[in-house]
Amino acid sequence: MQDKHAPIWLPQLAAQGGPRFLQIADALQTAVADGSLKPGDRLPTQRQLAAQLGVDLTTITRAYDEARRRQ
């Protein structure tokens, strides 16, 4: 059984790797390409991911929007 509090998907962000929203969108794209995220997998809610990464909610909103735009 999976722990309810364990992250579903949690990217590693570089301290100086450019804008956080782009790092997150890139990590999503990589996770899909390498098969660690599959079609139909649920992502963390924007609030969950923001809290887990210690970033603002708008950063996650921009990242998810960018990832959708790239599809």
N, C-alpha and C. Protein backbone atom coordinates (compact mmCIF):
# COMPACT_ATOMS: atom_id res chain seq x y z
N MET A 1 0.84 -1.19 0.00
CA MET A 1 0.00 0.00 0.00
C MET A 1 0.89 1.25 0.00
N GLN A 2 0.56 2.21 -0.82
CA GLN A 2 1.34 3.43 -0.93
C GLN A 2 0.98 4.40 0.18
N ASP A 3 2.00 5.03 0.76
CA ASP A 3 1.79 6.02 1.81
C ASP A 3 1.08 7.23 1.22
N LYS A 4 -0.03 7.64 1.86
CA LYS A 4 -0.80 8.79 1.36
C LYS A 4 0.02 10.07 1.33
N HIS A 5 1.03 10.15 2.19
CA HIS A 5 1.80 11.38 2.31
C HIS A 5 3.08 11.37 1.48
N ALA A 6 3.39 10.23 0.88
CA ALA A 6 4.58 10.15 0.03
C ALA A 6 4.31 10.86 -1.28
N PRO A 7 5.31 11.57 -1.79
CA PRO A 7 5.09 12.26 -3.07
C PRO A 7 4.86 11.27 -4.20
N ILE A 8 3.93 11.59 -5.07
CA ILE A 8 3.62 10.78 -6.23
C ILE A 8 4.76 10.94 -7.25
N TRP A 9 5.15 12.16 -7.44
CA TRP A 9 6.24 12.52 -8.35
C TRP A 9 6.86 13.77 -7.78
N LEU A 10 8.16 13.77 -7.61
CA LEU A 10 8.84 14.92 -7.01
C LEU A 10 10.14 15.18 -7.77
N PRO A 11 10.19 16.26 -8.54
CA PRO A 11 11.41 16.55 -9.30
C PRO A 11 12.51 17.11 -8.41
N GLN A 12 13.73 16.93 -8.85
CA GLN A 12 14.88 17.54 -8.19
C GLN A 12 15.17 18.85 -8.92
N LEU A 13 15.21 19.95 -8.18
CA LEU A 13 15.47 21.25 -8.78
C LEU A 13 16.89 21.68 -8.48
N ALA A 14 17.55 22.24 -9.48
CA ALA A 14 18.91 22.73 -9.31
C ALA A 14 18.88 24.11 -8.66
N ALA A 15 19.87 24.37 -7.82
CA ALA A 15 19.94 25.66 -7.14
C ALA A 15 20.06 26.81 -8.14
N GLN A 16 20.80 26.58 -9.22
CA GLN A 16 20.97 27.63 -10.22
C GLN A 16 20.73 27.08 -11.62
N GLY A 17 19.55 26.52 -11.82
CA GLY A 17 19.25 25.91 -13.10
C GLY A 17 18.24 26.66 -13.91
N GLY A 18 18.09 27.96 -13.68
CA GLY A 18 17.11 28.73 -14.42
C GLY A 18 15.80 28.82 -13.66
N PRO A 19 14.78 29.37 -14.31
CA PRO A 19 13.49 29.56 -13.63
C PRO A 19 12.92 28.22 -13.15
N ARG A 20 12.42 28.23 -11.94
CA ARG A 20 11.88 27.01 -11.32
C ARG A 20 10.75 26.41 -12.16
N PHE A 21 9.87 27.25 -12.70
CA PHE A 21 8.74 26.69 -13.45
C PHE A 21 9.23 25.93 -14.68
N LEU A 22 10.30 26.40 -15.30
CA LEU A 22 10.84 25.69 -16.46
C LEU A 22 11.55 24.41 -16.03
N GLN A 23 12.21 24.43 -14.89
CA GLN A 23 12.85 23.21 -14.38
C GLN A 23 11.80 22.13 -14.12
N ILE A 24 10.67 22.53 -13.55
CA ILE A 24 9.60 21.58 -13.25
C ILE A 24 8.99 21.05 -14.54
N ALA A 25 8.72 21.93 -15.49
CA ALA A 25 8.17 21.49 -16.78
C ALA A 25 9.14 20.55 -17.49
N ASP A 26 10.44 20.87 -17.44
CA ASP A 26 11.46 20.00 -18.04
C ASP A 26 11.48 18.64 -17.35
N ALA A 27 11.37 18.64 -16.02
CA ALA A 27 11.38 17.39 -15.27
C ALA A 27 10.16 16.53 -15.62
N LEU A 28 9.01 17.17 -15.81
CA LEU A 28 7.82 16.44 -16.23
C LEU A 28 8.05 15.80 -17.60
N GLN A 29 8.58 16.57 -18.51
CA GLN A 29 8.84 16.08 -19.86
C GLN A 29 9.82 14.90 -19.83
N THR A 30 10.85 15.00 -19.02
CA THR A 30 11.83 13.93 -18.89
C THR A 30 11.20 12.68 -18.28
N ALA A 31 10.37 12.87 -17.24
CA ALA A 31 9.72 11.74 -16.58
C ALA A 31 8.80 10.98 -17.53
N VAL A 32 8.13 11.69 -18.40
CA VAL A 32 7.27 11.04 -19.40
C VAL A 32 8.14 10.32 -20.43
N ALA A 33 9.19 10.97 -20.87
CA ALA A 33 10.07 10.38 -21.89
C ALA A 33 10.77 9.12 -21.39
N ASP A 34 11.17 9.11 -20.11
CA ASP A 34 11.89 7.94 -19.60
C ASP A 34 10.97 6.87 -19.00
N GLY A 35 9.67 7.15 -19.02
CA GLY A 35 8.70 6.16 -18.57
C GLY A 35 8.41 6.16 -17.08
N SER A 36 9.05 7.05 -16.32
CA SER A 36 8.75 7.07 -14.88
C SER A 36 7.37 7.66 -14.60
N LEU A 37 6.84 8.45 -15.53
CA LEU A 37 5.43 8.86 -15.51
C LEU A 37 4.78 8.32 -16.77
N LYS A 38 3.65 7.68 -16.58
CA LYS A 38 2.95 7.09 -17.71
C LYS A 38 1.61 7.79 -17.93
N PRO A 39 1.05 7.70 -19.12
CA PRO A 39 -0.27 8.29 -19.35
C PRO A 39 -1.27 7.79 -18.30
N GLY A 40 -2.00 8.72 -17.73
CA GLY A 40 -2.99 8.37 -16.72
C GLY A 40 -2.48 8.48 -15.30
N ASP A 41 -1.15 8.57 -15.11
CA ASP A 41 -0.61 8.77 -13.76
C ASP A 41 -1.09 10.11 -13.23
N ARG A 42 -1.43 10.13 -11.97
CA ARG A 42 -1.87 11.38 -11.36
C ARG A 42 -0.66 12.13 -10.82
N LEU A 43 -0.65 13.40 -11.08
CA LEU A 43 0.40 14.27 -10.54
C LEU A 43 -0.06 14.82 -9.20
N PRO A 44 0.89 15.29 -8.40
CA PRO A 44 0.49 15.95 -7.16
C PRO A 44 -0.34 17.19 -7.49
N THR A 45 -1.23 17.56 -6.57
CA THR A 45 -1.95 18.81 -6.79
C THR A 45 -0.93 19.95 -6.79
N GLN A 46 -1.35 21.05 -7.32
CA GLN A 46 -0.44 22.20 -7.36
C GLN A 46 -0.02 22.61 -5.95
N ARG A 47 -0.95 22.60 -5.02
CA ARG A 47 -0.63 22.97 -3.63
C ARG A 47 0.33 21.96 -3.00
N GLN A 48 0.10 20.67 -3.23
CA GLN A 48 1.00 19.64 -2.69
C GLN A 48 2.42 19.83 -3.20
N LEU A 49 2.54 19.97 -4.52
CA LEU A 49 3.87 20.09 -5.11
C LEU A 49 4.56 21.37 -4.66
N ALA A 50 3.82 22.45 -4.58
CA ALA A 50 4.41 23.71 -4.10
C ALA A 50 4.96 23.54 -2.69
N ALA A 51 4.19 22.89 -1.82
CA ALA A 51 4.64 22.68 -0.44
C ALA A 51 5.86 21.76 -0.40
N GLN A 52 5.85 20.69 -1.19
CA GLN A 52 6.95 19.73 -1.18
C GLN A 52 8.24 20.35 -1.71
N LEU A 53 8.12 21.23 -2.69
CA LEU A 53 9.31 21.86 -3.29
C LEU A 53 9.69 23.17 -2.62
N GLY A 54 8.80 23.70 -1.78
CA GLY A 54 9.09 24.97 -1.12
C GLY A 54 9.06 26.15 -2.08
N VAL A 55 8.13 26.09 -3.04
CA VAL A 55 7.99 27.19 -4.00
C VAL A 55 6.57 27.73 -3.93
N ASP A 56 6.36 28.86 -4.56
CA ASP A 56 5.05 29.50 -4.58
C ASP A 56 4.08 28.72 -5.47
N LEU A 57 2.81 28.77 -5.14
CA LEU A 57 1.77 28.09 -5.91
C LEU A 57 1.77 28.55 -7.37
N THR A 58 2.01 29.82 -7.62
CA THR A 58 2.00 30.31 -9.01
C THR A 58 3.14 29.69 -9.83
N THR A 59 4.23 29.31 -9.17
CA THR A 59 5.33 28.65 -9.88
C THR A 59 4.87 27.31 -10.42
N ILE A 60 4.13 26.56 -9.62
CA ILE A 60 3.63 25.26 -10.05
C ILE A 60 2.57 25.44 -11.13
N THR A 61 1.71 26.43 -10.97
CA THR A 61 0.69 26.71 -11.99
C THR A 61 1.36 26.99 -13.33
N ARG A 62 2.37 27.82 -13.32
CA ARG A 62 3.09 28.14 -14.56
C ARG A 62 3.77 26.89 -15.13
N ALA A 63 4.34 26.05 -14.27
CA ALA A 63 5.02 24.84 -14.72
C ALA A 63 4.03 23.87 -15.36
N TYR A 64 2.89 23.64 -14.72
CA TYR A 64 1.90 22.74 -15.29
C TYR A 64 1.34 23.30 -16.59
N ASP A 65 1.12 24.61 -16.66
CA ASP A 65 0.66 25.24 -17.91
C ASP A 65 1.70 25.06 -19.02
N GLU A 66 2.96 25.25 -18.69
CA GLU A 66 4.04 25.09 -19.68
C GLU A 66 4.10 23.64 -20.15
N ALA A 67 3.97 22.70 -19.24
CA ALA A 67 4.01 21.28 -19.61
C ALA A 67 2.85 20.94 -20.55
N ARG A 68 1.66 21.47 -20.26
CA ARG A 68 0.49 21.23 -21.15
C ARG A 68 0.75 21.84 -22.52
N ARG A 69 1.33 23.04 -22.54
CA ARG A 69 1.60 23.72 -23.81
C ARG A 69 2.55 22.90 -24.68
N ARG A 70 3.49 22.21 -24.06
CA ARG A 70 4.49 21.42 -24.79
C ARG A 70 3.93 20.14 -25.39
N GLN A 71 2.80 19.67 -24.93
CA GLN A 71 2.25 18.39 -25.41
C GLN A 71 2.02 18.40 -26.89
